[in-house]
Amino acid sequence: MILRDTIDIACAPEQVFQFFEDMEAHYLPWHPDHRLFRWKTGRGLGVGNAFYFEEVIAGKLLKKKVVFTRIDRPSHIEFAPTFWLMRLFLPRLLFRIEMAGPAVCRVAAEIHLRMGPLAARLQRRELNAIREHMRLEGVNLKRIIENHGSPPDHASSGSH
């Protein structure tokens, strides 16, 4: 199962890549449910660099440590949990950045899950909360980049 959200942003792909390169500064303003971001090994977008983050989804505080597994500047950022057991169920997360028109790039966020239909049905509420979290991250990413770093307005939901 793949949870996917896409949004078009009026910018060059390198601007999106730079947003993620500077995640330490952008993590908290990016989404109101983001709580903490910290580099663990290395800094910036590089294969093998690891980071720890906390966010609230479906009312639960989630704590994750992940490592970058593939970086193709400026089009692909991929990472995975560092804990092998978690990686069985969540093998990868990624951002794909591609041109969608003149001066517009499309950013796709994907969460790859290993989950059968019964588990998906039982976890429907949590999966819907993750989808909404991803949607708002996309809206806020667009707002931050198009406004050249201005913090997002959490009161407005936007659409894409």
N, C-alpha and C. Protein backbone atom coordinates (compact mmCIF):
# COMPACT_ATOMS: atom_id res chain seq x y z
N MET A 1 0.85 -1.17 0.00
CA MET A 1 0.00 0.00 0.00
C MET A 1 0.89 1.24 0.00
N ILE A 2 0.52 2.21 -0.82
CA ILE A 2 1.27 3.47 -0.88
C ILE A 2 0.30 4.61 -0.58
N LEU A 3 0.63 5.40 0.42
CA LEU A 3 -0.09 6.64 0.70
C LEU A 3 0.65 7.72 -0.06
N ARG A 4 -0.08 8.49 -0.88
CA ARG A 4 0.57 9.46 -1.75
C ARG A 4 -0.18 10.79 -1.71
N ASP A 5 0.58 11.86 -1.73
CA ASP A 5 0.01 13.20 -1.84
C ASP A 5 0.89 13.98 -2.81
N THR A 6 0.26 14.74 -3.71
CA THR A 6 1.03 15.57 -4.64
C THR A 6 0.52 17.00 -4.60
N ILE A 7 1.43 17.90 -4.89
CA ILE A 7 1.07 19.33 -4.95
C ILE A 7 2.00 20.01 -5.95
N ASP A 8 1.47 20.98 -6.68
CA ASP A 8 2.26 21.78 -7.60
C ASP A 8 2.69 23.06 -6.90
N ILE A 9 3.97 23.40 -7.08
CA ILE A 9 4.55 24.57 -6.43
C ILE A 9 5.24 25.41 -7.49
N ALA A 10 4.99 26.71 -7.47
CA ALA A 10 5.62 27.63 -8.42
C ALA A 10 7.05 27.90 -7.96
N CYS A 11 7.97 27.02 -8.39
CA CYS A 11 9.37 27.16 -8.02
C CYS A 11 10.20 26.19 -8.85
N ALA A 12 11.50 26.29 -8.69
CA ALA A 12 12.41 25.33 -9.30
C ALA A 12 12.57 24.14 -8.36
N PRO A 13 12.82 22.95 -8.89
CA PRO A 13 13.01 21.78 -8.02
C PRO A 13 14.08 21.99 -6.96
N GLU A 14 15.12 22.74 -7.28
CA GLU A 14 16.20 22.97 -6.32
C GLU A 14 15.69 23.69 -5.06
N GLN A 15 14.65 24.53 -5.20
CA GLN A 15 14.10 25.22 -4.03
C GLN A 15 13.43 24.23 -3.07
N VAL A 16 12.77 23.23 -3.61
CA VAL A 16 12.16 22.19 -2.77
C VAL A 16 13.26 21.39 -2.10
N PHE A 17 14.28 21.05 -2.88
CA PHE A 17 15.40 20.29 -2.33
C PHE A 17 16.05 21.06 -1.19
N GLN A 18 16.20 22.37 -1.36
CA GLN A 18 16.82 23.20 -0.32
C GLN A 18 15.97 23.25 0.94
N PHE A 19 14.65 23.24 0.78
CA PHE A 19 13.76 23.19 1.94
C PHE A 19 14.11 21.97 2.80
N PHE A 20 14.26 20.82 2.17
CA PHE A 20 14.57 19.60 2.91
C PHE A 20 16.00 19.60 3.43
N GLU A 21 16.91 20.21 2.70
CA GLU A 21 18.30 20.33 3.15
C GLU A 21 18.35 21.10 4.47
N ASP A 22 17.49 22.09 4.63
CA ASP A 22 17.45 22.93 5.83
C ASP A 22 16.32 22.52 6.78
N MET A 23 16.06 21.24 6.87
CA MET A 23 14.91 20.74 7.63
C MET A 23 14.93 21.17 9.10
N GLU A 24 16.10 21.30 9.67
CA GLU A 24 16.18 21.69 11.08
C GLU A 24 15.44 23.02 11.31
N ALA A 25 15.55 23.96 10.38
CA ALA A 25 14.88 25.25 10.50
C ALA A 25 13.42 25.18 10.08
N HIS A 26 13.06 24.25 9.20
CA HIS A 26 11.72 24.22 8.63
C HIS A 26 10.75 23.25 9.30
N TYR A 27 11.24 22.31 10.07
CA TYR A 27 10.38 21.24 10.56
C TYR A 27 9.19 21.74 11.39
N LEU A 28 9.42 22.56 12.38
CA LEU A 28 8.32 23.02 13.24
C LEU A 28 7.31 23.90 12.50
N PRO A 29 7.74 24.87 11.68
CA PRO A 29 6.76 25.69 10.96
C PRO A 29 6.03 24.93 9.84
N TRP A 30 6.56 23.79 9.42
CA TRP A 30 6.01 23.04 8.30
C TRP A 30 4.62 22.48 8.62
N HIS A 31 4.39 22.05 9.85
CA HIS A 31 3.11 21.44 10.20
C HIS A 31 2.84 21.67 11.68
N PRO A 32 1.60 22.01 12.07
CA PRO A 32 1.32 22.29 13.49
C PRO A 32 1.49 21.08 14.40
N ASP A 33 1.50 19.88 13.85
CA ASP A 33 1.66 18.68 14.67
C ASP A 33 3.11 18.19 14.75
N HIS A 34 4.03 18.92 14.15
CA HIS A 34 5.45 18.56 14.27
C HIS A 34 5.96 19.05 15.62
N ARG A 35 6.71 18.20 16.31
CA ARG A 35 7.17 18.52 17.66
C ARG A 35 8.68 18.69 17.78
N LEU A 36 9.46 17.86 17.09
CA LEU A 36 10.91 17.87 17.30
C LEU A 36 11.61 17.31 16.08
N PHE A 37 12.74 17.90 15.72
CA PHE A 37 13.60 17.39 14.66
C PHE A 37 15.05 17.53 15.13
N ARG A 38 15.84 16.45 14.93
CA ARG A 38 17.24 16.49 15.35
C ARG A 38 18.07 15.58 14.44
N TRP A 39 19.17 16.10 13.94
CA TRP A 39 20.10 15.26 13.16
C TRP A 39 20.77 14.29 14.12
N LYS A 40 20.91 13.03 13.71
CA LYS A 40 21.57 12.02 14.55
C LYS A 40 22.96 11.69 14.02
N THR A 41 23.07 11.48 12.70
CA THR A 41 24.34 11.14 12.06
C THR A 41 24.46 12.01 10.82
N GLY A 42 25.50 12.81 10.76
CA GLY A 42 25.66 13.71 9.62
C GLY A 42 24.63 14.83 9.67
N ARG A 43 24.61 15.64 8.62
CA ARG A 43 23.66 16.74 8.50
C ARG A 43 23.33 16.90 7.03
N GLY A 44 22.09 17.25 6.75
CA GLY A 44 21.70 17.51 5.37
C GLY A 44 21.37 16.25 4.60
N LEU A 45 21.05 16.46 3.32
CA LEU A 45 20.61 15.37 2.47
C LEU A 45 21.80 14.60 1.91
N GLY A 46 22.11 13.49 2.54
CA GLY A 46 23.19 12.63 2.11
C GLY A 46 22.88 11.20 2.52
N VAL A 47 23.13 10.27 1.63
CA VAL A 47 22.89 8.86 1.93
C VAL A 47 23.68 8.49 3.19
N GLY A 48 23.00 7.87 4.14
CA GLY A 48 23.62 7.48 5.39
C GLY A 48 23.39 8.46 6.52
N ASN A 49 23.02 9.69 6.21
CA ASN A 49 22.71 10.66 7.27
C ASN A 49 21.38 10.25 7.91
N ALA A 50 21.32 10.36 9.23
CA ALA A 50 20.12 9.94 9.96
C ALA A 50 19.57 11.10 10.77
N PHE A 51 18.25 11.08 10.98
CA PHE A 51 17.62 12.09 11.80
C PHE A 51 16.50 11.47 12.62
N TYR A 52 16.15 12.17 13.69
CA TYR A 52 15.10 11.76 14.60
C TYR A 52 14.03 12.84 14.55
N PHE A 53 12.76 12.41 14.53
CA PHE A 53 11.69 13.41 14.56
C PHE A 53 10.51 12.88 15.34
N GLU A 54 9.73 13.84 15.84
CA GLU A 54 8.50 13.53 16.57
C GLU A 54 7.37 14.33 15.95
N GLU A 55 6.21 13.68 15.82
CA GLU A 55 5.02 14.33 15.31
C GLU A 55 3.80 13.65 15.92
N VAL A 56 2.70 14.38 15.95
CA VAL A 56 1.45 13.84 16.48
C VAL A 56 0.55 13.51 15.29
N ILE A 57 0.09 12.27 15.23
CA ILE A 57 -0.84 11.84 14.19
C ILE A 57 -1.92 11.00 14.88
N ALA A 58 -3.18 11.33 14.58
CA ALA A 58 -4.33 10.64 15.18
C ALA A 58 -4.26 10.71 16.71
N GLY A 59 -3.76 11.84 17.22
CA GLY A 59 -3.70 12.03 18.66
C GLY A 59 -2.56 11.30 19.36
N LYS A 60 -1.70 10.63 18.60
CA LYS A 60 -0.59 9.87 19.19
C LYS A 60 0.74 10.52 18.85
N LEU A 61 1.62 10.62 19.83
CA LEU A 61 2.96 11.13 19.59
C LEU A 61 3.80 10.01 18.99
N LEU A 62 4.26 10.22 17.76
CA LEU A 62 5.10 9.24 17.07
C LEU A 62 6.54 9.71 17.10
N LYS A 63 7.45 8.80 17.43
CA LYS A 63 8.88 9.09 17.50
C LYS A 63 9.57 8.17 16.51
N LYS A 64 10.32 8.77 15.56
CA LYS A 64 10.95 7.95 14.53
C LYS A 64 12.39 8.38 14.30
N LYS A 65 13.24 7.39 14.08
CA LYS A 65 14.61 7.63 13.65
C LYS A 65 14.73 7.00 12.27
N VAL A 66 15.16 7.81 11.29
CA VAL A 66 15.25 7.34 9.90
C VAL A 66 16.60 7.70 9.32
N VAL A 67 16.93 7.03 8.21
CA VAL A 67 18.20 7.26 7.52
C VAL A 67 17.92 7.46 6.04
N PHE A 68 18.65 8.38 5.42
CA PHE A 68 18.52 8.58 3.99
C PHE A 68 19.12 7.39 3.25
N THR A 69 18.36 6.83 2.34
CA THR A 69 18.80 5.64 1.59
C THR A 69 19.06 5.95 0.11
N ARG A 70 18.50 7.04 -0.39
CA ARG A 70 18.72 7.43 -1.80
C ARG A 70 18.48 8.93 -1.93
N ILE A 71 19.43 9.61 -2.53
CA ILE A 71 19.32 11.04 -2.80
C ILE A 71 19.75 11.26 -4.24
N ASP A 72 18.84 11.78 -5.07
CA ASP A 72 19.15 12.16 -6.44
C ASP A 72 18.79 13.63 -6.58
N ARG A 73 19.79 14.48 -6.43
CA ARG A 73 19.57 15.93 -6.46
C ARG A 73 19.22 16.37 -7.87
N PRO A 74 18.16 17.15 -8.08
CA PRO A 74 17.18 17.66 -7.14
C PRO A 74 15.82 16.97 -7.27
N SER A 75 15.81 15.68 -7.57
CA SER A 75 14.53 15.06 -7.92
C SER A 75 14.02 13.96 -6.99
N HIS A 76 14.83 13.46 -6.08
CA HIS A 76 14.40 12.29 -5.30
C HIS A 76 15.07 12.29 -3.94
N ILE A 77 14.25 12.17 -2.89
CA ILE A 77 14.74 12.06 -1.51
C ILE A 77 14.03 10.85 -0.91
N GLU A 78 14.81 9.87 -0.48
CA GLU A 78 14.21 8.65 0.06
C GLU A 78 14.86 8.30 1.39
N PHE A 79 14.05 7.84 2.33
CA PHE A 79 14.57 7.46 3.64
C PHE A 79 13.75 6.31 4.20
N ALA A 80 14.29 5.68 5.24
CA ALA A 80 13.66 4.50 5.84
C ALA A 80 13.97 4.47 7.33
N PRO A 81 13.12 3.81 8.11
CA PRO A 81 13.41 3.67 9.54
C PRO A 81 14.74 2.95 9.76
N THR A 82 15.42 3.30 10.84
CA THR A 82 16.68 2.64 11.14
C THR A 82 16.45 1.29 11.84
N PHE A 83 15.32 1.14 12.50
CA PHE A 83 15.01 -0.10 13.23
C PHE A 83 14.48 -1.14 12.24
N TRP A 84 15.13 -2.29 12.18
CA TRP A 84 14.81 -3.31 11.17
C TRP A 84 13.36 -3.79 11.25
N LEU A 85 12.81 -3.92 12.46
CA LEU A 85 11.45 -4.41 12.60
C LEU A 85 10.45 -3.39 12.02
N MET A 86 10.66 -2.12 12.30
CA MET A 86 9.80 -1.07 11.75
C MET A 86 9.90 -1.06 10.22
N ARG A 87 11.08 -1.32 9.70
CA ARG A 87 11.31 -1.30 8.26
C ARG A 87 10.54 -2.42 7.55
N LEU A 88 10.21 -3.50 8.27
CA LEU A 88 9.40 -4.56 7.67
C LEU A 88 8.02 -4.04 7.27
N PHE A 89 7.46 -3.14 8.08
CA PHE A 89 6.12 -2.61 7.84
C PHE A 89 6.14 -1.28 7.10
N LEU A 90 7.23 -0.56 7.25
CA LEU A 90 7.38 0.76 6.63
C LEU A 90 8.74 0.79 5.91
N PRO A 91 8.80 0.16 4.71
CA PRO A 91 10.09 0.02 4.06
C PRO A 91 10.71 1.31 3.54
N ARG A 92 9.87 2.31 3.19
CA ARG A 92 10.46 3.56 2.71
C ARG A 92 9.44 4.69 2.68
N LEU A 93 9.99 5.89 2.75
CA LEU A 93 9.24 7.13 2.60
C LEU A 93 10.03 7.95 1.59
N LEU A 94 9.33 8.72 0.77
CA LEU A 94 10.07 9.49 -0.23
C LEU A 94 9.35 10.74 -0.66
N PHE A 95 10.15 11.63 -1.24
CA PHE A 95 9.66 12.83 -1.91
C PHE A 95 10.23 12.81 -3.31
N ARG A 96 9.36 12.93 -4.29
CA ARG A 96 9.77 12.99 -5.69
C ARG A 96 9.45 14.39 -6.19
N ILE A 97 10.39 15.01 -6.87
CA ILE A 97 10.25 16.38 -7.35
C ILE A 97 10.49 16.38 -8.85
N GLU A 98 9.50 16.84 -9.61
CA GLU A 98 9.65 16.88 -11.07
C GLU A 98 9.00 18.13 -11.63
N MET A 99 9.43 18.53 -12.80
CA MET A 99 8.84 19.69 -13.46
C MET A 99 7.43 19.33 -13.93
N ALA A 100 6.48 20.24 -13.70
CA ALA A 100 5.09 20.02 -14.12
C ALA A 100 4.67 21.06 -15.14
N GLY A 101 5.55 21.98 -15.47
CA GLY A 101 5.28 23.04 -16.42
C GLY A 101 6.36 24.09 -16.27
N PRO A 102 6.26 25.16 -17.05
CA PRO A 102 7.25 26.23 -16.91
C PRO A 102 7.20 26.83 -15.51
N ALA A 103 8.31 26.80 -14.81
CA ALA A 103 8.45 27.38 -13.47
C ALA A 103 7.51 26.76 -12.44
N VAL A 104 7.07 25.52 -12.67
CA VAL A 104 6.21 24.82 -11.71
C VAL A 104 6.76 23.41 -11.52
N CYS A 105 6.92 23.02 -10.27
CA CYS A 105 7.33 21.64 -10.04
C CYS A 105 6.25 20.93 -9.24
N ARG A 106 6.17 19.64 -9.44
CA ARG A 106 5.22 18.78 -8.74
C ARG A 106 6.00 18.00 -7.70
N VAL A 107 5.52 18.08 -6.48
CA VAL A 107 6.15 17.35 -5.37
C VAL A 107 5.20 16.24 -4.95
N ALA A 108 5.70 15.01 -5.00
CA ALA A 108 4.92 13.86 -4.57
C ALA A 108 5.56 13.31 -3.30
N ALA A 109 4.75 13.15 -2.26
CA ALA A 109 5.20 12.52 -1.02
C ALA A 109 4.57 11.14 -0.98
N GLU A 110 5.37 10.13 -0.64
CA GLU A 110 4.87 8.76 -0.58
C GLU A 110 5.33 8.08 0.69
N ILE A 111 4.41 7.33 1.28
CA ILE A 111 4.73 6.45 2.40
C ILE A 111 4.38 5.04 1.94
N HIS A 112 5.37 4.18 1.87
CA HIS A 112 5.17 2.80 1.43
C HIS A 112 4.98 1.93 2.67
N LEU A 113 3.84 1.25 2.71
CA LEU A 113 3.49 0.41 3.85
C LEU A 113 3.28 -1.03 3.39
N ARG A 114 3.68 -1.97 4.22
CA ARG A 114 3.34 -3.38 3.98
C ARG A 114 2.17 -3.69 4.90
N MET A 115 0.99 -3.76 4.29
CA MET A 115 -0.22 -3.94 5.08
C MET A 115 -1.28 -4.56 4.18
N GLY A 116 -1.90 -5.61 4.63
CA GLY A 116 -2.95 -6.25 3.87
C GLY A 116 -4.27 -5.50 4.01
N PRO A 117 -5.29 -5.92 3.24
CA PRO A 117 -6.57 -5.22 3.25
C PRO A 117 -7.28 -5.24 4.61
N LEU A 118 -7.16 -6.34 5.34
CA LEU A 118 -7.81 -6.40 6.66
C LEU A 118 -7.15 -5.42 7.62
N ALA A 119 -5.83 -5.41 7.65
CA ALA A 119 -5.11 -4.47 8.51
C ALA A 119 -5.42 -3.03 8.12
N ALA A 120 -5.50 -2.76 6.82
CA ALA A 120 -5.82 -1.40 6.34
C ALA A 120 -7.21 -0.98 6.81
N ARG A 121 -8.14 -1.93 6.78
CA ARG A 121 -9.50 -1.61 7.23
C ARG A 121 -9.54 -1.35 8.73
N LEU A 122 -8.80 -2.17 9.48
CA LEU A 122 -8.75 -1.99 10.94
C LEU A 122 -8.04 -0.68 11.32
N GLN A 123 -7.12 -0.26 10.50
CA GLN A 123 -6.34 0.95 10.77
C GLN A 123 -6.84 2.16 9.97
N ARG A 124 -8.06 2.11 9.47
CA ARG A 124 -8.60 3.15 8.60
C ARG A 124 -8.49 4.55 9.22
N ARG A 125 -8.86 4.69 10.48
CA ARG A 125 -8.80 6.00 11.14
C ARG A 125 -7.37 6.56 11.13
N GLU A 126 -6.39 5.72 11.49
CA GLU A 126 -5.00 6.16 11.52
C GLU A 126 -4.50 6.49 10.11
N LEU A 127 -4.86 5.67 9.13
CA LEU A 127 -4.43 5.92 7.75
C LEU A 127 -5.03 7.22 7.23
N ASN A 128 -6.29 7.48 7.55
CA ASN A 128 -6.91 8.75 7.14
C ASN A 128 -6.23 9.94 7.81
N ALA A 129 -5.83 9.79 9.06
CA ALA A 129 -5.11 10.86 9.76
C ALA A 129 -3.75 11.10 9.10
N ILE A 130 -3.08 10.03 8.68
CA ILE A 130 -1.80 10.18 7.99
C ILE A 130 -2.00 10.89 6.65
N ARG A 131 -3.04 10.50 5.92
CA ARG A 131 -3.33 11.17 4.64
C ARG A 131 -3.57 12.67 4.84
N GLU A 132 -4.34 13.02 5.86
CA GLU A 132 -4.61 14.43 6.12
C GLU A 132 -3.33 15.16 6.54
N HIS A 133 -2.50 14.51 7.33
CA HIS A 133 -1.21 15.09 7.73
C HIS A 133 -0.36 15.36 6.49
N MET A 134 -0.29 14.40 5.59
CA MET A 134 0.48 14.56 4.36
C MET A 134 -0.09 15.71 3.51
N ARG A 135 -1.41 15.79 3.42
CA ARG A 135 -2.04 16.84 2.63
C ARG A 135 -1.66 18.22 3.16
N LEU A 136 -1.73 18.37 4.48
CA LEU A 136 -1.41 19.66 5.08
C LEU A 136 0.09 19.96 4.95
N GLU A 137 0.93 18.96 5.02
CA GLU A 137 2.36 19.19 4.78
C GLU A 137 2.57 19.74 3.36
N GLY A 138 1.85 19.18 2.38
CA GLY A 138 1.96 19.67 1.01
C GLY A 138 1.51 21.11 0.88
N VAL A 139 0.36 21.43 1.45
CA VAL A 139 -0.17 22.80 1.41
C VAL A 139 0.82 23.76 2.05
N ASN A 140 1.37 23.39 3.20
CA ASN A 140 2.31 24.26 3.90
C ASN A 140 3.65 24.35 3.19
N LEU A 141 4.10 23.26 2.59
CA LEU A 141 5.34 23.30 1.80
C LEU A 141 5.19 24.32 0.68
N LYS A 142 4.07 24.26 -0.03
CA LYS A 142 3.79 25.21 -1.12
C LYS A 142 3.80 26.64 -0.59
N ARG A 143 3.12 26.87 0.51
CA ARG A 143 3.02 28.22 1.08
C ARG A 143 4.40 28.74 1.51
N ILE A 144 5.16 27.90 2.19
CA ILE A 144 6.49 28.32 2.66
C ILE A 144 7.40 28.65 1.49
N ILE A 145 7.46 27.78 0.50
CA ILE A 145 8.36 28.00 -0.63
C ILE A 145 7.91 29.18 -1.48
N GLU A 146 6.63 29.25 -1.78
CA GLU A 146 6.15 30.35 -2.63
C GLU A 146 6.20 31.70 -1.92
N ASN A 147 6.18 31.70 -0.60
CA ASN A 147 6.30 32.94 0.17
C ASN A 147 7.73 33.16 0.64
N HIS A 148 8.67 32.40 0.08
CA HIS A 148 10.10 32.55 0.37
C HIS A 148 10.42 32.43 1.85
N GLY A 149 9.87 31.40 2.47
CA GLY A 149 10.25 31.09 3.84
C GLY A 149 9.31 31.61 4.90
N SER A 150 8.22 32.29 4.52
CA SER A 150 7.28 32.76 5.54
C SER A 150 6.63 31.57 6.23
N PRO A 151 6.40 31.66 7.52
CA PRO A 151 5.75 30.54 8.21
C PRO A 151 4.34 30.33 7.67
N PRO A 152 3.87 29.09 7.70
CA PRO A 152 2.53 28.82 7.20
C PRO A 152 1.46 29.40 8.10
N ASP A 153 0.32 29.70 7.52
CA ASP A 153 -0.86 30.14 8.28
C ASP A 153 -1.64 28.88 8.61
N HIS A 154 -1.52 28.41 9.85
CA HIS A 154 -2.13 27.14 10.23
C HIS A 154 -3.64 27.19 10.23
N ALA A 155 -4.22 28.38 10.27
CA ALA A 155 -5.67 28.48 10.31
C ALA A 155 -6.31 28.18 8.96
N SER A 156 -5.58 28.44 7.88
CA SER A 156 -6.19 28.18 6.56
C SER A 156 -5.79 26.81 6.06
N SER A 157 -6.71 26.12 5.44
CA SER A 157 -6.44 24.76 5.01
C SER A 157 -5.93 24.69 3.59
N GLY A 158 -6.26 25.65 2.73
CA GLY A 158 -5.81 25.63 1.35
C GLY A 158 -6.32 24.42 0.62
N SER A 159 -6.07 24.36 -0.65
CA SER A 159 -6.45 23.17 -1.43
C SER A 159 -5.48 22.99 -2.56
N HIS A 160 -5.43 21.76 -3.05
CA HIS A 160 -4.55 21.48 -4.18
C HIS A 160 -5.08 20.34 -4.99
